[in-house]
């Protein structure tokens, strides 16, 4: 299994100076530009994003 993807920029200020938080829960990142912490969480797949190959329609 591969490592999870890391965020490319802070969702608050847009800076790229991000580091994994050592003191908080898994998936928590710290932005050293704006001094904020945020957490990434996978919620699941959207039902409209799943398409069956045998649906009969053109994709």
PDB file of N, CA and C in Angstrom:
ATOM      1  N   UNK A   1       0.850  -1.175   0.000  1.00  0.00           N
ATOM      2  CA  UNK A   1       0.000   0.000   0.000  1.00  0.00           C
ATOM      3  C   UNK A   1       0.898   1.242   0.000  1.00  0.00           C
ATOM      4  N   UNK A   2       0.538   2.244  -0.756  1.00  0.00           N
ATOM      5  CA  UNK A   2       1.344   3.458  -0.862  1.00  0.00           C
ATOM      6  C   UNK A   2       0.964   4.468   0.224  1.00  0.00           C
ATOM      7  N   UNK A   3       1.812   5.470   0.357  1.00  0.00           N
ATOM      8  CA  UNK A   3       1.553   6.536   1.320  1.00  0.00           C
ATOM      9  C   UNK A   3       0.392   7.391   0.828  1.00  0.00           C
ATOM     10  N   UNK A   4      -0.275   8.026   1.751  1.00  0.00           N
ATOM     11  CA  UNK A   4      -1.378   8.925   1.379  1.00  0.00           C
ATOM     12  C   UNK A   4      -0.815  10.210   0.792  1.00  0.00           C
ATOM     13  N   UNK A   5      -1.597  10.838  -0.052  1.00  0.00           N
ATOM     14  CA  UNK A   5      -1.168  12.072  -0.691  1.00  0.00           C
ATOM     15  C   UNK A   5      -1.138  13.213   0.313  1.00  0.00           C
ATOM     16  N   UNK A   6      -0.191  14.076   0.148  1.00  0.00           N
ATOM     17  CA  UNK A   6      -0.056  15.248   1.005  1.00  0.00           C
ATOM     18  C   UNK A   6      -0.684  16.452   0.311  1.00  0.00           C
ATOM     19  N   UNK A   7      -1.206  17.403   1.068  1.00  0.00           N
ATOM     20  CA  UNK A   7      -1.756  18.617   0.446  1.00  0.00           C
ATOM     21  C   UNK A   7      -0.626  19.442  -0.174  1.00  0.00           C
ATOM     22  N   UNK A   8      -0.941  20.144  -1.240  1.00  0.00           N
ATOM     23  CA  UNK A   8       0.047  20.968  -1.921  1.00  0.00           C
ATOM     24  C   UNK A   8       0.087  22.397  -1.404  1.00  0.00           C
ATOM     25  N   UNK A   9      -1.023  22.861  -0.826  1.00  0.00           N
ATOM     26  CA  UNK A   9      -1.069  24.238  -0.331  1.00  0.00           C
ATOM     27  C   UNK A   9      -2.047  24.338   0.827  1.00  0.00           C
ATOM     28  N   UNK A  10      -1.900  25.369   1.620  1.00  0.00           N
ATOM     29  CA  UNK A  10      -2.769  25.633   2.760  1.00  0.00           C
ATOM     30  C   UNK A  10      -4.139  26.093   2.251  1.00  0.00           C
ATOM     31  N   UNK A  11      -5.233  25.523   2.773  1.00  0.00           N
ATOM     32  CA  UNK A  11      -6.563  25.959   2.326  1.00  0.00           C
ATOM     33  C   UNK A  11      -6.943  27.353   2.819  1.00  0.00           C
ATOM     34  N   UNK A  12      -6.178  27.911   3.730  1.00  0.00           N
ATOM     35  CA  UNK A  12      -6.480  29.239   4.283  1.00  0.00           C
ATOM     36  C   UNK A  12      -5.698  30.346   3.597  1.00  0.00           C
ATOM     37  N   UNK A  13      -4.376  30.170   3.466  1.00  0.00           N
ATOM     38  CA  UNK A  13      -3.568  31.253   2.889  1.00  0.00           C
ATOM     39  C   UNK A  13      -2.972  30.904   1.523  1.00  0.00           C
ATOM     40  N   UNK A  14      -2.985  29.621   1.151  1.00  0.00           N
ATOM     41  CA  UNK A  14      -2.460  29.212  -0.139  1.00  0.00           C
ATOM     42  C   UNK A  14      -0.967  28.957  -0.173  1.00  0.00           C
ATOM     43  N   UNK A  15      -0.278  29.156   0.937  1.00  0.00           N
ATOM     44  CA  UNK A  15       1.161  28.943   0.978  1.00  0.00           C
ATOM     45  C   UNK A  15       1.488  27.450   0.922  1.00  0.00           C
ATOM     46  N   UNK A  16       2.720  27.130   0.538  1.00  0.00           N
ATOM     47  CA  UNK A  16       3.131  25.735   0.392  1.00  0.00           C
ATOM     48  C   UNK A  16       4.031  25.248   1.525  1.00  0.00           C
ATOM     49  N   UNK A  17       4.226  26.046   2.562  1.00  0.00           N
ATOM     50  CA  UNK A  17       5.099  25.671   3.677  1.00  0.00           C
ATOM     51  C   UNK A  17       4.315  24.825   4.686  1.00  0.00           C
ATOM     52  N   UNK A  18       4.004  23.586   4.306  1.00  0.00           N
ATOM     53  CA  UNK A  18       3.202  22.693   5.138  1.00  0.00           C
ATOM     54  C   UNK A  18       4.063  21.570   5.704  1.00  0.00           C
ATOM     55  N   UNK A  19       3.725  21.173   6.912  1.00  0.00           N
ATOM     56  CA  UNK A  19       4.412  20.062   7.567  1.00  0.00           C
ATOM     57  C   UNK A  19       3.399  19.239   8.330  1.00  0.00           C
ATOM     58  N   UNK A  20       3.609  17.917   8.392  1.00  0.00           N
ATOM     59  CA  UNK A  20       2.697  17.089   9.195  1.00  0.00           C
ATOM     60  C   UNK A  20       2.781  17.492  10.663  1.00  0.00           C
ATOM     61  N   UNK A  21       1.657  17.534  11.335  1.00  0.00           N
ATOM     62  CA  UNK A  21       1.630  17.883  12.750  1.00  0.00           C
ATOM     63  C   UNK A  21       2.065  16.672  13.565  1.00  0.00           C
ATOM     64  N   UNK A  22       2.988  16.891  14.478  1.00  0.00           N
ATOM     65  CA  UNK A  22       3.484  15.807  15.322  1.00  0.00           C
ATOM     66  C   UNK A  22       2.672  15.683  16.604  1.00  0.00           C
ATOM     67  N   UNK A  23       1.911  16.699  16.957  1.00  0.00           N
ATOM     68  CA  UNK A  23       1.192  16.704  18.228  1.00  0.00           C
ATOM     69  C   UNK A  23      -0.286  16.372  18.081  1.00  0.00           C
ATOM     70  N   UNK A  24      -0.810  16.399  16.886  1.00  0.00           N
ATOM     71  CA  UNK A  24      -2.255  16.203  16.686  1.00  0.00           C
ATOM     72  C   UNK A  24      -2.527  14.850  16.035  1.00  0.00           C
ATOM     73  N   UNK A  25      -3.774  14.625  15.710  1.00  0.00           N
ATOM     74  CA  UNK A  25      -4.224  13.359  15.130  1.00  0.00           C
ATOM     75  C   UNK A  25      -3.661  13.149  13.726  1.00  0.00           C
ATOM     76  N   UNK A  26      -3.763  11.914  13.251  1.00  0.00           N
ATOM     77  CA  UNK A  26      -3.314  11.543  11.907  1.00  0.00           C
ATOM     78  C   UNK A  26      -4.070  12.371  10.860  1.00  0.00           C
ATOM     79  N   UNK A  27      -3.351  12.836   9.857  1.00  0.00           N
ATOM     80  CA  UNK A  27      -3.975  13.625   8.805  1.00  0.00           C
ATOM     81  C   UNK A  27      -4.023  15.111   9.108  1.00  0.00           C
ATOM     82  N   UNK A  28      -3.360  15.536  10.184  1.00  0.00           N
ATOM     83  CA  UNK A  28      -3.341  16.945  10.554  1.00  0.00           C
ATOM     84  C   UNK A  28      -2.057  17.588  10.047  1.00  0.00           C
ATOM     85  N   UNK A  29      -2.198  18.754   9.462  1.00  0.00           N
ATOM     86  CA  UNK A  29      -1.080  19.482   8.871  1.00  0.00           C
ATOM     87  C   UNK A  29      -0.971  20.860   9.494  1.00  0.00           C
ATOM     88  N   UNK A  30       0.242  21.391   9.527  1.00  0.00           N
ATOM     89  CA  UNK A  30       0.504  22.739  10.034  1.00  0.00           C
ATOM     90  C   UNK A  30       1.043  23.602   8.910  1.00  0.00           C
ATOM     91  N   UNK A  31       0.502  24.801   8.788  1.00  0.00           N
ATOM     92  CA  UNK A  31       1.016  25.782   7.833  1.00  0.00           C
ATOM     93  C   UNK A  31       1.907  26.736   8.605  1.00  0.00           C
ATOM     94  N   UNK A  32       3.164  26.784   8.236  1.00  0.00           N
ATOM     95  CA  UNK A  32       4.098  27.651   8.950  1.00  0.00           C
ATOM     96  C   UNK A  32       4.063  29.089   8.442  1.00  0.00           C
ATOM     97  N   UNK A  33       3.329  29.342   7.373  1.00  0.00           N
ATOM     98  CA  UNK A  33       3.191  30.704   6.869  1.00  0.00           C
ATOM     99  C   UNK A  33       2.122  31.475   7.644  1.00  0.00           C
ATOM    100  N   UNK A  34       0.956  30.842   7.887  1.00  0.00           N
ATOM    101  CA  UNK A  34      -0.132  31.547   8.579  1.00  0.00           C
ATOM    102  C   UNK A  34      -0.384  31.003   9.985  1.00  0.00           C
ATOM    103  N   UNK A  35       0.420  30.004  10.394  1.00  0.00           N
ATOM    104  CA  UNK A  35       0.359  29.446  11.747  1.00  0.00           C
ATOM    105  C   UNK A  35      -0.999  28.807  12.060  1.00  0.00           C
ATOM    106  N   UNK A  36      -1.582  28.143  11.060  1.00  0.00           N
ATOM    107  CA  UNK A  36      -2.847  27.437  11.247  1.00  0.00           C
ATOM    108  C   UNK A  36      -2.621  25.941  11.085  1.00  0.00           C
ATOM    109  N   UNK A  37      -3.510  25.186  11.701  1.00  0.00           N
ATOM    110  CA  UNK A  37      -3.493  23.732  11.546  1.00  0.00           C
ATOM    111  C   UNK A  37      -4.823  23.303  10.936  1.00  0.00           C
ATOM    112  N   UNK A  38      -4.773  22.282  10.104  1.00  0.00           N
ATOM    113  CA  UNK A  38      -5.999  21.767   9.503  1.00  0.00           C
ATOM    114  C   UNK A  38      -5.867  20.260   9.361  1.00  0.00           C
ATOM    115  N   UNK A  39      -7.010  19.600   9.210  1.00  0.00           N
ATOM    116  CA  UNK A  39      -7.026  18.148   9.115  1.00  0.00           C
ATOM    117  C   UNK A  39      -7.700  17.714   7.825  1.00  0.00           C
ATOM    118  N   UNK A  40      -7.119  16.730   7.166  1.00  0.00           N
ATOM    119  CA  UNK A  40      -7.689  16.152   5.963  1.00  0.00           C
ATOM    120  C   UNK A  40      -8.408  14.872   6.332  1.00  0.00           C
ATOM    121  N   UNK A  41      -9.579  14.678   5.737  1.00  0.00           N
ATOM    122  CA  UNK A  41     -10.359  13.494   6.044  1.00  0.00           C
ATOM    123  C   UNK A  41     -11.069  13.019   4.784  1.00  0.00           C
ATOM    124  N   UNK A  42     -10.917  11.751   4.486  1.00  0.00           N
ATOM    125  CA  UNK A  42     -11.600  11.142   3.342  1.00  0.00           C
ATOM    126  C   UNK A  42     -13.018  10.798   3.768  1.00  0.00           C
ATOM    127  N   UNK A  43     -14.004  11.271   3.023  1.00  0.00           N
ATOM    128  CA  UNK A  43     -15.399  11.045   3.377  1.00  0.00           C
ATOM    129  C   UNK A  43     -16.023   9.872   2.626  1.00  0.00           C
ATOM    130  N   UNK A  44     -15.574   9.594   1.416  1.00  0.00           N
ATOM    131  CA  UNK A  44     -16.126   8.483   0.645  1.00  0.00           C
ATOM    132  C   UNK A  44     -16.362   8.882  -0.793  1.00  0.00           C
ATOM    133  N   UNK A  45     -16.879   7.948  -1.565  1.00  0.00           N
ATOM    134  CA  UNK A  45     -17.164   8.194  -2.972  1.00  0.00           C
ATOM    135  C   UNK A  45     -18.556   8.775  -3.144  1.00  0.00           C
ATOM    136  N   UNK A  46     -18.706   9.641  -4.125  1.00  0.00           N
ATOM    137  CA  UNK A  46     -20.013  10.173  -4.483  1.00  0.00           C
ATOM    138  C   UNK A  46     -20.712   9.170  -5.388  1.00  0.00           C
ATOM    139  N   UNK A  47     -21.986   9.001  -5.238  1.00  0.00           N
ATOM    140  CA  UNK A  47     -22.708   8.012  -6.035  1.00  0.00           C
ATOM    141  C   UNK A  47     -22.698   8.361  -7.512  1.00  0.00           C
ATOM    142  N   UNK A  48     -22.674   9.633  -7.857  1.00  0.00           N
ATOM    143  CA  UNK A  48     -22.668  10.007  -9.273  1.00  0.00           C
ATOM    144  C   UNK A  48     -21.305   9.777  -9.922  1.00  0.00           C
ATOM    145  N   UNK A  49     -20.272   9.553  -9.124  1.00  0.00           N
ATOM    146  CA  UNK A  49     -18.934   9.334  -9.662  1.00  0.00           C
ATOM    147  C   UNK A  49     -18.664   7.896 -10.050  1.00  0.00           C
ATOM    148  N   UNK A  50     -19.572   6.992  -9.728  1.00  0.00           N
ATOM    149  CA  UNK A  50     -19.376   5.582 -10.031  1.00  0.00           C
ATOM    150  C   UNK A  50     -20.163   5.226 -11.277  1.00  0.00           C
ATOM    151  N   UNK A  51     -19.483   4.696 -12.272  1.00  0.00           N
ATOM    152  CA  UNK A  51     -20.152   4.296 -13.501  1.00  0.00           C
ATOM    153  C   UNK A  51     -19.817   2.846 -13.793  1.00  0.00           C
ATOM    154  N   UNK A  52     -20.809   2.113 -14.176  1.00  0.00           N
ATOM    155  CA  UNK A  52     -20.596   0.715 -14.519  1.00  0.00           C
ATOM    156  C   UNK A  52     -20.206   0.609 -15.969  1.00  0.00           C
ATOM    157  N   UNK A  53     -19.297  -0.324 -16.274  1.00  0.00           N
ATOM    158  CA  UNK A  53     -18.821  -0.519 -17.644  1.00  0.00           C
ATOM    159  C   UNK A  53     -19.919  -1.080 -18.540  1.00  0.00           C
ATOM    160  N   UNK A  54     -20.883  -1.825 -17.979  1.00  0.00           N
ATOM    161  CA  UNK A  54     -21.924  -2.456 -18.788  1.00  0.00           C
ATOM    162  C   UNK A  54     -23.218  -1.644 -18.776  1.00  0.00           C
ATOM    163  N   UNK A  55     -23.150  -0.331 -18.617  1.00  0.00           N
ATOM    164  CA  UNK A  55     -24.363   0.493 -18.549  1.00  0.00           C
ATOM    165  C   UNK A  55     -25.037   0.665 -19.903  1.00  0.00           C
ATOM    166  N   UNK A  56     -24.296   0.358 -20.991  1.00  0.00           N
ATOM    167  CA  UNK A  56     -24.909   0.418 -22.317  1.00  0.00           C
ATOM    168  C   UNK A  56     -24.818   1.798 -22.962  1.00  0.00           C
ATOM    169  N   UNK A  57     -24.457   2.808 -22.210  1.00  0.00           N
ATOM    170  CA  UNK A  57     -24.370   4.162 -22.765  1.00  0.00           C
ATOM    171  C   UNK A  57     -22.955   4.505 -23.167  1.00  0.00           C
ATOM    172  N   UNK A  58     -22.837   5.486 -24.017  1.00  0.00           N
ATOM    173  CA  UNK A  58     -21.509   5.967 -24.401  1.00  0.00           C
ATOM    174  C   UNK A  58     -20.961   6.876 -23.331  1.00  0.00           C
ATOM    175  N   UNK A  59     -19.700   6.739 -23.076  1.00  0.00           N
ATOM    176  CA  UNK A  59     -19.055   7.592 -22.066  1.00  0.00           C
ATOM    177  C   UNK A  59     -18.174   8.607 -22.735  1.00  0.00           C
TER     178      UNK A  59
END
